[in-house]
Amino acid sequence: MKKYSLLSILAVMPALAVAQPAEFKASVTVKNVFTFENTEPLSFGTIRASGDAGGVETATLIVAANPNTAPRADSTDVTKAEIAILEPGTPAKFTVDGVAPYATLTITNPTETDVLPQSLPPGTPGFKLSAFTYFVTSGTTPAAATTTVVADADGKIAFNVGATLTTESADKGNYLDGLYEGTFSVELNY
């Protein structure tokens, strides 16, 4: 009679496997919203302005987005429409925070906007605001921008917005001393 030890019997027996499930959860937080603030408004400074009574000639004032570029006035016919700079203006300043590091954001240009006289008599001509420009002052590369801006490693961007102010027809009267204002909206998207 052969003797088998308990260990040799166990070695020959197939191992019994027991599976035990464990449940777990997966989660993610979505944050598509970021902080986008206008820290300084666009200012065209203080000017002397005259408009063309015939409504044909125009004068323009360009405040560049690049803070190192001086504002510039021009006219199609200075004898009929003119802007002269008395005190130079400054570009609008914006900051962005809370985007993904090195994220590229797309700029949607504002639409042409009226800059209208405030508390002045009816018929006082206004201006048109158009030809918006952009200059990144901090982010991955401080430089002129066209349709996109890129965040830095901390998900931050600072940029300026410049534009062109154009005289309108002065057929009902000329520009009067006082404040002229308009509101515009620039949009950023991932």
N, C-alpha and C. Protein backbone atom coordinates (compact mmCIF):
# COMPACT_ATOMS: atom_id res chain seq x y z
N MET A 1 0.83 -1.14 0.00
CA MET A 1 0.00 0.00 0.00
C MET A 1 0.89 1.23 0.00
N LYS A 2 0.57 2.11 -0.88
CA LYS A 2 1.35 3.33 -1.02
C LYS A 2 0.82 4.39 -0.08
N LYS A 3 1.75 5.09 0.44
CA LYS A 3 1.38 6.17 1.34
C LYS A 3 1.52 7.48 0.59
N TYR A 4 0.52 8.22 0.68
CA TYR A 4 0.54 9.56 0.07
C TYR A 4 0.46 10.59 1.18
N SER A 5 1.26 11.50 1.06
CA SER A 5 1.18 12.56 2.06
C SER A 5 0.13 13.57 1.65
N LEU A 6 -0.29 14.29 2.60
CA LEU A 6 -1.32 15.30 2.35
C LEU A 6 -0.80 16.35 1.38
N LEU A 7 0.45 16.68 1.45
CA LEU A 7 1.03 17.69 0.56
C LEU A 7 1.06 17.19 -0.88
N SER A 8 1.37 15.94 -1.08
CA SER A 8 1.40 15.44 -2.44
C SER A 8 0.01 15.38 -3.03
N ILE A 9 -0.98 15.15 -2.22
CA ILE A 9 -2.37 15.12 -2.73
C ILE A 9 -2.79 16.54 -3.10
N LEU A 10 -2.42 17.49 -2.28
CA LEU A 10 -2.79 18.88 -2.56
C LEU A 10 -2.05 19.40 -3.80
N ALA A 11 -0.84 18.91 -4.02
CA ALA A 11 -0.07 19.36 -5.17
C ALA A 11 -0.68 18.89 -6.46
N VAL A 12 -1.34 17.76 -6.45
CA VAL A 12 -1.95 17.21 -7.65
C VAL A 12 -3.33 17.82 -7.91
N MET A 13 -3.98 18.28 -6.90
CA MET A 13 -5.33 18.83 -7.06
C MET A 13 -5.26 20.19 -7.76
N PRO A 14 -6.20 20.44 -8.62
CA PRO A 14 -6.22 21.76 -9.27
C PRO A 14 -6.51 22.84 -8.24
N ALA A 15 -5.86 24.00 -8.45
CA ALA A 15 -6.06 25.11 -7.54
C ALA A 15 -7.43 25.72 -7.78
N LEU A 16 -8.09 26.01 -6.73
CA LEU A 16 -9.40 26.63 -6.84
C LEU A 16 -9.22 28.14 -6.79
N ALA A 17 -9.72 28.86 -7.80
CA ALA A 17 -9.61 30.31 -7.85
C ALA A 17 -10.95 30.92 -7.46
N VAL A 18 -10.87 31.98 -6.72
CA VAL A 18 -12.08 32.70 -6.32
C VAL A 18 -11.94 34.13 -6.80
N ALA A 19 -12.90 34.63 -7.59
CA ALA A 19 -12.88 36.01 -8.08
C ALA A 19 -13.73 36.87 -7.18
N GLN A 20 -13.21 38.03 -6.89
CA GLN A 20 -13.97 38.95 -6.03
C GLN A 20 -14.01 40.30 -6.72
N PRO A 21 -15.19 40.79 -7.12
CA PRO A 21 -15.28 42.11 -7.77
C PRO A 21 -15.12 43.23 -6.75
N ALA A 22 -14.62 44.37 -7.24
CA ALA A 22 -14.54 45.60 -6.44
C ALA A 22 -15.07 46.73 -7.30
N GLU A 23 -16.00 47.49 -6.79
CA GLU A 23 -16.56 48.60 -7.54
C GLU A 23 -15.75 49.86 -7.28
N PHE A 24 -15.72 50.72 -8.26
CA PHE A 24 -15.07 52.02 -8.10
C PHE A 24 -15.80 53.04 -8.95
N LYS A 25 -15.58 54.30 -8.65
CA LYS A 25 -16.21 55.39 -9.39
C LYS A 25 -15.14 56.12 -10.19
N ALA A 26 -15.56 56.72 -11.28
CA ALA A 26 -14.70 57.60 -12.06
C ALA A 26 -15.35 58.97 -12.05
N SER A 27 -14.55 60.02 -11.99
CA SER A 27 -15.12 61.37 -12.00
C SER A 27 -14.21 62.31 -12.77
N VAL A 28 -14.80 63.38 -13.21
CA VAL A 28 -14.06 64.44 -13.88
C VAL A 28 -14.81 65.74 -13.62
N THR A 29 -14.09 66.83 -13.47
CA THR A 29 -14.71 68.14 -13.31
C THR A 29 -14.43 68.94 -14.57
N VAL A 30 -15.46 69.46 -15.16
CA VAL A 30 -15.33 70.28 -16.37
C VAL A 30 -15.39 71.74 -15.95
N LYS A 31 -14.43 72.53 -16.44
CA LYS A 31 -14.40 73.97 -16.17
C LYS A 31 -14.07 74.69 -17.47
N ASN A 32 -15.11 74.97 -18.24
CA ASN A 32 -14.91 75.69 -19.50
C ASN A 32 -14.91 77.19 -19.30
N VAL A 33 -15.40 77.64 -18.17
CA VAL A 33 -15.47 79.07 -17.89
C VAL A 33 -14.12 79.55 -17.37
N PHE A 34 -13.73 80.72 -17.79
CA PHE A 34 -12.49 81.31 -17.31
C PHE A 34 -12.75 82.78 -17.00
N THR A 35 -11.82 83.41 -16.34
CA THR A 35 -11.95 84.82 -15.99
C THR A 35 -11.41 85.68 -17.13
N PHE A 36 -12.24 86.59 -17.60
CA PHE A 36 -11.87 87.49 -18.70
C PHE A 36 -12.34 88.88 -18.31
N GLU A 37 -11.39 89.78 -18.05
CA GLU A 37 -11.73 91.10 -17.52
C GLU A 37 -11.09 92.22 -18.32
N ASN A 38 -11.84 93.31 -18.44
CA ASN A 38 -11.33 94.54 -19.02
C ASN A 38 -10.79 95.38 -17.86
N THR A 39 -9.46 95.55 -17.81
CA THR A 39 -8.85 96.27 -16.70
C THR A 39 -8.69 97.76 -16.97
N GLU A 40 -8.66 98.16 -18.25
CA GLU A 40 -8.62 99.58 -18.63
C GLU A 40 -9.40 99.75 -19.93
N PRO A 41 -10.24 100.81 -20.01
CA PRO A 41 -11.01 101.03 -21.23
C PRO A 41 -10.14 101.58 -22.37
N LEU A 42 -10.66 101.49 -23.56
CA LEU A 42 -10.01 102.08 -24.73
C LEU A 42 -10.25 103.58 -24.68
N SER A 43 -9.19 104.36 -24.74
CA SER A 43 -9.30 105.82 -24.70
C SER A 43 -8.65 106.41 -25.94
N PHE A 44 -9.38 107.29 -26.58
CA PHE A 44 -8.81 108.02 -27.71
C PHE A 44 -8.28 109.38 -27.28
N GLY A 45 -8.19 109.59 -25.96
CA GLY A 45 -7.60 110.80 -25.41
C GLY A 45 -8.49 112.02 -25.61
N THR A 46 -7.85 113.15 -25.81
CA THR A 46 -8.55 114.41 -26.07
C THR A 46 -8.15 114.88 -27.46
N ILE A 47 -9.14 115.21 -28.26
CA ILE A 47 -8.88 115.58 -29.66
C ILE A 47 -9.64 116.85 -30.04
N ARG A 48 -9.22 117.44 -31.13
CA ARG A 48 -10.01 118.45 -31.84
C ARG A 48 -10.53 117.73 -33.07
N ALA A 49 -11.83 117.86 -33.34
CA ALA A 49 -12.41 117.14 -34.48
C ALA A 49 -13.31 118.06 -35.30
N SER A 50 -13.23 117.88 -36.61
CA SER A 50 -14.17 118.54 -37.52
C SER A 50 -14.58 117.51 -38.56
N GLY A 51 -15.85 117.56 -38.94
CA GLY A 51 -16.38 116.62 -39.91
C GLY A 51 -16.74 117.30 -41.21
N ASP A 52 -16.83 116.52 -42.26
CA ASP A 52 -17.18 117.02 -43.59
C ASP A 52 -18.69 117.23 -43.68
N ALA A 53 -19.10 118.47 -43.94
CA ALA A 53 -20.53 118.78 -44.09
C ALA A 53 -21.13 118.04 -45.28
N GLY A 54 -20.32 117.72 -46.27
CA GLY A 54 -20.79 116.99 -47.43
C GLY A 54 -20.88 115.49 -47.19
N GLY A 55 -20.30 115.01 -46.11
CA GLY A 55 -20.39 113.60 -45.76
C GLY A 55 -19.51 112.68 -46.58
N VAL A 56 -18.55 113.23 -47.33
CA VAL A 56 -17.70 112.41 -48.20
C VAL A 56 -16.34 112.15 -47.56
N GLU A 57 -15.69 113.19 -47.07
CA GLU A 57 -14.35 113.06 -46.52
C GLU A 57 -14.42 112.65 -45.05
N THR A 58 -13.41 111.90 -44.60
CA THR A 58 -13.35 111.46 -43.21
C THR A 58 -11.96 111.67 -42.63
N ALA A 59 -11.93 111.78 -41.32
CA ALA A 59 -10.67 111.81 -40.58
C ALA A 59 -10.67 110.60 -39.66
N THR A 60 -9.49 110.05 -39.41
CA THR A 60 -9.37 108.87 -38.54
C THR A 60 -8.33 109.11 -37.45
N LEU A 61 -8.53 108.40 -36.35
CA LEU A 61 -7.57 108.39 -35.26
C LEU A 61 -7.35 106.93 -34.90
N ILE A 62 -6.10 106.48 -35.01
CA ILE A 62 -5.77 105.09 -34.71
C ILE A 62 -5.03 105.03 -33.37
N VAL A 63 -5.60 104.27 -32.44
CA VAL A 63 -4.91 103.94 -31.20
C VAL A 63 -4.52 102.47 -31.36
N ALA A 64 -3.23 102.25 -31.51
CA ALA A 64 -2.73 100.89 -31.74
C ALA A 64 -2.80 100.05 -30.47
N ALA A 65 -2.94 98.75 -30.65
CA ALA A 65 -2.92 97.82 -29.51
C ALA A 65 -1.53 97.74 -28.90
N ASN A 66 -0.51 97.90 -29.72
CA ASN A 66 0.87 97.87 -29.24
C ASN A 66 1.11 99.11 -28.37
N PRO A 67 1.42 98.93 -27.09
CA PRO A 67 1.59 100.09 -26.22
C PRO A 67 2.78 100.97 -26.58
N ASN A 68 3.67 100.48 -27.43
CA ASN A 68 4.85 101.26 -27.84
C ASN A 68 4.62 102.06 -29.11
N THR A 69 3.40 102.00 -29.67
CA THR A 69 3.08 102.73 -30.90
C THR A 69 2.23 103.94 -30.54
N ALA A 70 2.65 105.09 -30.96
CA ALA A 70 1.92 106.33 -30.66
C ALA A 70 0.64 106.41 -31.49
N PRO A 71 -0.43 107.00 -30.93
CA PRO A 71 -1.65 107.22 -31.71
C PRO A 71 -1.34 108.06 -32.95
N ARG A 72 -2.13 107.84 -34.02
CA ARG A 72 -1.88 108.52 -35.29
C ARG A 72 -3.20 109.00 -35.88
N ALA A 73 -3.24 110.25 -36.30
CA ALA A 73 -4.41 110.83 -36.96
C ALA A 73 -4.13 110.99 -38.45
N ASP A 74 -5.20 110.85 -39.25
CA ASP A 74 -5.07 110.99 -40.70
C ASP A 74 -6.39 111.53 -41.25
N SER A 75 -6.38 111.98 -42.49
CA SER A 75 -7.59 112.51 -43.11
C SER A 75 -7.53 112.30 -44.62
N THR A 76 -8.72 112.07 -45.19
CA THR A 76 -8.79 111.97 -46.66
C THR A 76 -8.71 113.36 -47.28
N ASP A 77 -9.13 114.39 -46.55
CA ASP A 77 -9.00 115.79 -46.98
C ASP A 77 -9.06 116.64 -45.72
N VAL A 78 -7.88 117.07 -45.25
CA VAL A 78 -7.77 117.78 -43.98
C VAL A 78 -8.52 119.12 -43.99
N THR A 79 -8.83 119.66 -45.15
CA THR A 79 -9.58 120.92 -45.19
C THR A 79 -11.07 120.69 -44.90
N LYS A 80 -11.53 119.44 -44.98
CA LYS A 80 -12.95 119.15 -44.77
C LYS A 80 -13.22 118.29 -43.53
N ALA A 81 -12.31 117.40 -43.19
CA ALA A 81 -12.47 116.54 -42.01
C ALA A 81 -11.10 116.36 -41.36
N GLU A 82 -11.04 116.62 -40.06
CA GLU A 82 -9.74 116.55 -39.39
C GLU A 82 -9.90 116.09 -37.95
N ILE A 83 -8.91 115.34 -37.50
CA ILE A 83 -8.74 115.01 -36.09
C ILE A 83 -7.32 115.41 -35.73
N ALA A 84 -7.19 116.22 -34.67
CA ALA A 84 -5.88 116.61 -34.15
C ALA A 84 -5.79 116.11 -32.71
N ILE A 85 -4.68 115.47 -32.37
CA ILE A 85 -4.49 114.89 -31.04
C ILE A 85 -3.99 115.97 -30.08
N LEU A 86 -4.76 116.21 -29.01
CA LEU A 86 -4.35 117.14 -27.96
C LEU A 86 -3.70 116.37 -26.80
N GLU A 87 -4.30 115.26 -26.42
CA GLU A 87 -3.75 114.34 -25.42
C GLU A 87 -3.91 112.93 -25.97
N PRO A 88 -2.82 112.17 -26.09
CA PRO A 88 -2.91 110.83 -26.70
C PRO A 88 -3.73 109.86 -25.85
N GLY A 89 -4.35 108.94 -26.53
CA GLY A 89 -5.13 107.89 -25.87
C GLY A 89 -4.31 106.64 -25.63
N THR A 90 -4.97 105.63 -25.09
CA THR A 90 -4.31 104.36 -24.77
C THR A 90 -5.22 103.19 -25.15
N PRO A 91 -4.62 102.05 -25.48
CA PRO A 91 -5.44 100.88 -25.83
C PRO A 91 -6.18 100.31 -24.62
N ALA A 92 -7.23 99.55 -24.91
CA ALA A 92 -7.94 98.82 -23.84
C ALA A 92 -7.05 97.68 -23.38
N LYS A 93 -7.14 97.35 -22.09
CA LYS A 93 -6.33 96.27 -21.54
C LYS A 93 -7.24 95.19 -20.97
N PHE A 94 -6.89 93.94 -21.27
CA PHE A 94 -7.67 92.78 -20.84
C PHE A 94 -6.76 91.76 -20.18
N THR A 95 -7.31 91.02 -19.21
CA THR A 95 -6.60 89.90 -18.61
C THR A 95 -7.47 88.65 -18.68
N VAL A 96 -6.81 87.51 -18.83
CA VAL A 96 -7.47 86.21 -18.86
C VAL A 96 -6.77 85.33 -17.83
N ASP A 97 -7.57 84.60 -17.05
CA ASP A 97 -7.01 83.71 -16.02
C ASP A 97 -7.90 82.47 -15.93
N GLY A 98 -7.28 81.34 -15.58
CA GLY A 98 -8.06 80.12 -15.37
C GLY A 98 -8.26 79.28 -16.61
N VAL A 99 -7.43 79.48 -17.64
CA VAL A 99 -7.49 78.60 -18.81
C VAL A 99 -6.41 77.54 -18.67
N ALA A 100 -6.46 76.54 -19.50
CA ALA A 100 -5.46 75.47 -19.47
C ALA A 100 -4.09 76.05 -19.84
N PRO A 101 -3.02 75.54 -19.24
CA PRO A 101 -1.68 76.01 -19.62
C PRO A 101 -1.46 75.88 -21.13
N TYR A 102 -0.94 76.93 -21.71
CA TYR A 102 -0.62 77.01 -23.14
C TYR A 102 -1.85 76.87 -24.04
N ALA A 103 -3.03 77.12 -23.51
CA ALA A 103 -4.26 77.03 -24.31
C ALA A 103 -4.29 78.15 -25.34
N THR A 104 -4.84 77.83 -26.51
CA THR A 104 -5.04 78.81 -27.57
C THR A 104 -6.49 79.24 -27.54
N LEU A 105 -6.72 80.55 -27.42
CA LEU A 105 -8.08 81.09 -27.42
C LEU A 105 -8.28 81.89 -28.70
N THR A 106 -9.47 81.78 -29.26
CA THR A 106 -9.81 82.47 -30.49
C THR A 106 -10.53 83.77 -30.18
N ILE A 107 -10.14 84.83 -30.85
CA ILE A 107 -10.75 86.15 -30.66
C ILE A 107 -11.86 86.34 -31.69
N THR A 108 -13.02 86.75 -31.22
CA THR A 108 -14.09 87.17 -32.11
C THR A 108 -14.12 88.69 -32.09
N ASN A 109 -13.87 89.30 -33.23
CA ASN A 109 -13.81 90.76 -33.32
C ASN A 109 -15.12 91.40 -32.93
N PRO A 110 -15.05 92.55 -32.26
CA PRO A 110 -16.26 93.33 -32.04
C PRO A 110 -16.80 93.82 -33.39
N THR A 111 -18.07 94.14 -33.40
CA THR A 111 -18.64 94.73 -34.62
C THR A 111 -18.37 96.22 -34.62
N GLU A 112 -18.47 96.83 -35.79
CA GLU A 112 -18.31 98.28 -35.88
C GLU A 112 -19.30 98.93 -34.92
N THR A 113 -18.84 99.88 -34.15
CA THR A 113 -19.63 100.45 -33.07
C THR A 113 -19.70 101.96 -33.20
N ASP A 114 -20.84 102.52 -32.81
CA ASP A 114 -20.99 103.98 -32.78
C ASP A 114 -20.40 104.52 -31.49
N VAL A 115 -19.69 105.62 -31.59
CA VAL A 115 -19.22 106.38 -30.44
C VAL A 115 -19.99 107.69 -30.50
N LEU A 116 -20.96 107.83 -29.60
CA LEU A 116 -21.95 108.90 -29.71
C LEU A 116 -21.75 109.97 -28.65
N PRO A 117 -22.22 111.20 -28.98
CA PRO A 117 -22.12 112.28 -28.00
C PRO A 117 -23.02 112.00 -26.79
N GLN A 118 -22.48 112.30 -25.61
CA GLN A 118 -23.24 112.14 -24.38
C GLN A 118 -23.67 113.53 -23.90
N SER A 119 -24.94 113.72 -23.65
CA SER A 119 -25.47 114.99 -23.13
C SER A 119 -25.19 116.17 -24.04
N LEU A 120 -25.20 115.95 -25.33
CA LEU A 120 -25.03 117.03 -26.31
C LEU A 120 -26.29 117.12 -27.15
N PRO A 121 -26.51 118.26 -27.82
CA PRO A 121 -27.75 118.44 -28.59
C PRO A 121 -27.92 117.41 -29.71
N PRO A 122 -29.17 117.08 -30.03
CA PRO A 122 -29.43 116.19 -31.17
C PRO A 122 -28.82 116.77 -32.45
N GLY A 123 -28.35 115.89 -33.30
CA GLY A 123 -27.73 116.32 -34.55
C GLY A 123 -26.22 116.46 -34.45
N THR A 124 -25.68 116.37 -33.22
CA THR A 124 -24.23 116.40 -33.06
C THR A 124 -23.69 115.11 -33.66
N PRO A 125 -22.75 115.20 -34.60
CA PRO A 125 -22.25 113.96 -35.21
C PRO A 125 -21.47 113.11 -34.20
N GLY A 126 -21.42 111.82 -34.49
CA GLY A 126 -20.64 110.89 -33.67
C GLY A 126 -19.46 110.37 -34.46
N PHE A 127 -18.93 109.27 -34.02
CA PHE A 127 -17.80 108.61 -34.67
C PHE A 127 -18.15 107.14 -34.87
N LYS A 128 -17.39 106.48 -35.73
CA LYS A 128 -17.46 105.03 -35.89
C LYS A 128 -16.19 104.42 -35.33
N LEU A 129 -16.33 103.31 -34.63
CA LEU A 129 -15.19 102.58 -34.07
C LEU A 129 -15.07 101.27 -34.84
N SER A 130 -13.90 101.02 -35.43
CA SER A 130 -13.72 99.82 -36.25
C SER A 130 -12.24 99.43 -36.30
N ALA A 131 -11.92 98.46 -37.15
CA ALA A 131 -10.54 98.02 -37.41
C ALA A 131 -9.79 97.70 -36.11
N PHE A 132 -10.31 96.74 -35.36
CA PHE A 132 -9.74 96.37 -34.07
C PHE A 132 -8.42 95.61 -34.26
N THR A 133 -7.46 95.91 -33.38
CA THR A 133 -6.16 95.24 -33.40
C THR A 133 -5.86 94.72 -32.00
N TYR A 134 -4.95 93.72 -31.92
CA TYR A 134 -4.64 93.06 -30.65
C TYR A 134 -3.13 92.94 -30.48
N PHE A 135 -2.71 93.05 -29.22
CA PHE A 135 -1.29 92.89 -28.90
C PHE A 135 -1.19 92.18 -27.55
N VAL A 136 -0.56 91.00 -27.54
CA VAL A 136 -0.38 90.24 -26.31
C VAL A 136 0.76 90.86 -25.53
N THR A 137 0.48 91.26 -24.28
CA THR A 137 1.51 91.86 -23.43
C THR A 137 2.12 90.83 -22.49
N SER A 138 1.39 89.76 -22.17
CA SER A 138 1.97 88.64 -21.44
C SER A 138 1.19 87.38 -21.79
N GLY A 139 1.91 86.30 -21.87
CA GLY A 139 1.40 85.01 -22.33
C GLY A 139 2.62 84.27 -22.83
N THR A 140 2.48 83.41 -23.80
CA THR A 140 3.67 82.70 -24.27
C THR A 140 4.59 83.60 -25.07
N THR A 141 4.03 84.48 -25.89
CA THR A 141 4.87 85.34 -26.72
C THR A 141 4.26 86.73 -26.81
N PRO A 142 4.79 87.72 -26.08
CA PRO A 142 4.29 89.07 -26.24
C PRO A 142 4.56 89.56 -27.67
N ALA A 143 3.48 89.84 -28.40
CA ALA A 143 3.59 90.28 -29.79
C ALA A 143 2.20 90.60 -30.32
N ALA A 144 2.16 91.13 -31.53
CA ALA A 144 0.88 91.39 -32.19
C ALA A 144 0.13 90.08 -32.39
N ALA A 145 -1.18 90.13 -32.29
CA ALA A 145 -2.03 88.95 -32.49
C ALA A 145 -3.10 89.29 -33.51
N THR A 146 -3.59 88.27 -34.19
CA THR A 146 -4.66 88.50 -35.16
C THR A 146 -5.95 87.86 -34.70
N THR A 147 -6.03 86.54 -34.72
CA THR A 147 -7.27 85.87 -34.35
C THR A 147 -7.13 84.96 -33.13
N THR A 148 -5.91 84.80 -32.61
CA THR A 148 -5.72 83.92 -31.45
C THR A 148 -4.73 84.54 -30.46
N VAL A 149 -4.89 84.12 -29.20
CA VAL A 149 -3.92 84.44 -28.15
C VAL A 149 -3.61 83.14 -27.41
N VAL A 150 -2.39 83.01 -26.89
CA VAL A 150 -1.96 81.77 -26.24
C VAL A 150 -1.57 82.06 -24.79
N ALA A 151 -2.08 81.23 -23.88
CA ALA A 151 -1.81 81.37 -22.45
C ALA A 151 -0.40 80.93 -22.11
N ASP A 152 0.06 81.37 -20.96
CA ASP A 152 1.36 80.94 -20.46
C ASP A 152 1.21 79.64 -19.66
N ALA A 153 2.27 79.22 -18.99
CA ALA A 153 2.26 77.97 -18.23
C ALA A 153 1.27 78.00 -17.06
N ASP A 154 0.90 79.19 -16.61
CA ASP A 154 -0.06 79.33 -15.51
C ASP A 154 -1.49 79.53 -16.00
N GLY A 155 -1.71 79.47 -17.32
CA GLY A 155 -3.05 79.65 -17.86
C GLY A 155 -3.51 81.10 -17.83
N LYS A 156 -2.57 82.03 -18.01
CA LYS A 156 -2.89 83.46 -17.96
C LYS A 156 -2.48 84.14 -19.26
N ILE A 157 -3.21 85.19 -19.60
CA ILE A 157 -2.89 86.01 -20.78
C ILE A 157 -3.25 87.44 -20.43
N ALA A 158 -2.48 88.40 -20.92
CA ALA A 158 -2.85 89.81 -20.87
C ALA A 158 -2.66 90.34 -22.28
N PHE A 159 -3.65 91.09 -22.75
CA PHE A 159 -3.51 91.67 -24.09
C PHE A 159 -4.25 93.00 -24.18
N ASN A 160 -3.84 93.78 -25.18
CA ASN A 160 -4.44 95.09 -25.45
C ASN A 160 -5.29 95.02 -26.70
N VAL A 161 -6.27 95.92 -26.75
CA VAL A 161 -7.10 96.08 -27.95
C VAL A 161 -7.01 97.53 -28.39
N GLY A 162 -6.68 97.72 -29.65
CA GLY A 162 -6.68 99.05 -30.25
C GLY A 162 -7.74 99.12 -31.32
N ALA A 163 -8.00 100.30 -31.85
CA ALA A 163 -9.03 100.45 -32.88
C ALA A 163 -8.85 101.77 -33.60
N THR A 164 -9.70 101.98 -34.61
CA THR A 164 -9.70 103.21 -35.39
C THR A 164 -11.01 103.95 -35.16
N LEU A 165 -10.90 105.23 -34.86
CA LEU A 165 -12.05 106.12 -34.68
C LEU A 165 -12.17 106.96 -35.95
N THR A 166 -13.37 106.99 -36.55
CA THR A 166 -13.57 107.69 -37.83
C THR A 166 -14.70 108.70 -37.70
N THR A 167 -14.48 109.89 -38.24
CA THR A 167 -15.53 110.92 -38.21
C THR A 167 -16.70 110.51 -39.09
N GLU A 168 -17.88 111.06 -38.75
CA GLU A 168 -19.08 110.87 -39.56
C GLU A 168 -19.41 112.18 -40.25
N SER A 169 -20.42 112.15 -41.06
CA SER A 169 -20.87 113.35 -41.76
C SER A 169 -21.28 114.42 -40.76
N ALA A 170 -20.90 115.64 -41.04
CA ALA A 170 -21.28 116.77 -40.19
C ALA A 170 -22.32 117.62 -40.90
N ASP A 171 -23.21 116.98 -41.68
CA ASP A 171 -24.19 117.74 -42.45
C ASP A 171 -25.22 118.46 -41.59
N LYS A 172 -25.41 118.03 -40.32
CA LYS A 172 -26.37 118.69 -39.44
C LYS A 172 -25.70 119.57 -38.40
N GLY A 173 -24.41 119.66 -38.43
CA GLY A 173 -23.66 120.45 -37.45
C GLY A 173 -22.29 119.83 -37.26
N ASN A 174 -21.47 120.50 -36.49
CA ASN A 174 -20.11 120.02 -36.31
C ASN A 174 -19.94 119.40 -34.93
N TYR A 175 -18.77 118.85 -34.68
CA TYR A 175 -18.46 118.25 -33.39
C TYR A 175 -18.42 119.33 -32.33
N LEU A 176 -19.03 119.03 -31.19
CA LEU A 176 -19.07 119.95 -30.06
C LEU A 176 -18.20 119.43 -28.93
N ASP A 177 -17.76 120.33 -28.06
CA ASP A 177 -16.98 119.93 -26.90
C ASP A 177 -17.83 119.04 -26.00
N GLY A 178 -17.26 117.97 -25.55
CA GLY A 178 -17.98 117.07 -24.65
C GLY A 178 -17.49 115.65 -24.79
N LEU A 179 -18.15 114.76 -24.05
CA LEU A 179 -17.78 113.35 -24.01
C LEU A 179 -18.55 112.57 -25.07
N TYR A 180 -17.84 111.71 -25.78
CA TYR A 180 -18.42 110.80 -26.78
C TYR A 180 -18.08 109.38 -26.31
N GLU A 181 -19.08 108.49 -26.26
CA GLU A 181 -18.84 107.14 -25.77
C GLU A 181 -19.53 106.08 -26.62
N GLY A 182 -18.95 104.90 -26.59
CA GLY A 182 -19.55 103.72 -27.23
C GLY A 182 -19.12 102.50 -26.46
N THR A 183 -19.91 101.45 -26.54
CA THR A 183 -19.59 100.22 -25.84
C THR A 183 -19.41 99.11 -26.87
N PHE A 184 -18.36 98.33 -26.72
CA PHE A 184 -18.14 97.22 -27.63
C PHE A 184 -17.83 95.98 -26.83
N SER A 185 -17.88 94.84 -27.48
CA SER A 185 -17.66 93.56 -26.81
C SER A 185 -16.69 92.71 -27.63
N VAL A 186 -15.63 92.25 -26.98
CA VAL A 186 -14.69 91.32 -27.60
C VAL A 186 -14.92 89.97 -26.93
N GLU A 187 -14.87 88.91 -27.71
CA GLU A 187 -15.17 87.58 -27.19
C GLU A 187 -13.98 86.65 -27.39
N LEU A 188 -13.74 85.80 -26.38
CA LEU A 188 -12.69 84.77 -26.46
C LEU A 188 -13.33 83.41 -26.32
N ASN A 189 -12.88 82.44 -27.12
CA ASN A 189 -13.39 81.08 -27.07
C ASN A 189 -12.25 80.07 -27.13
N TYR A 190 -12.42 78.93 -26.43
CA TYR A 190 -11.47 77.83 -26.55
C TYR A 190 -11.56 77.29 -27.96
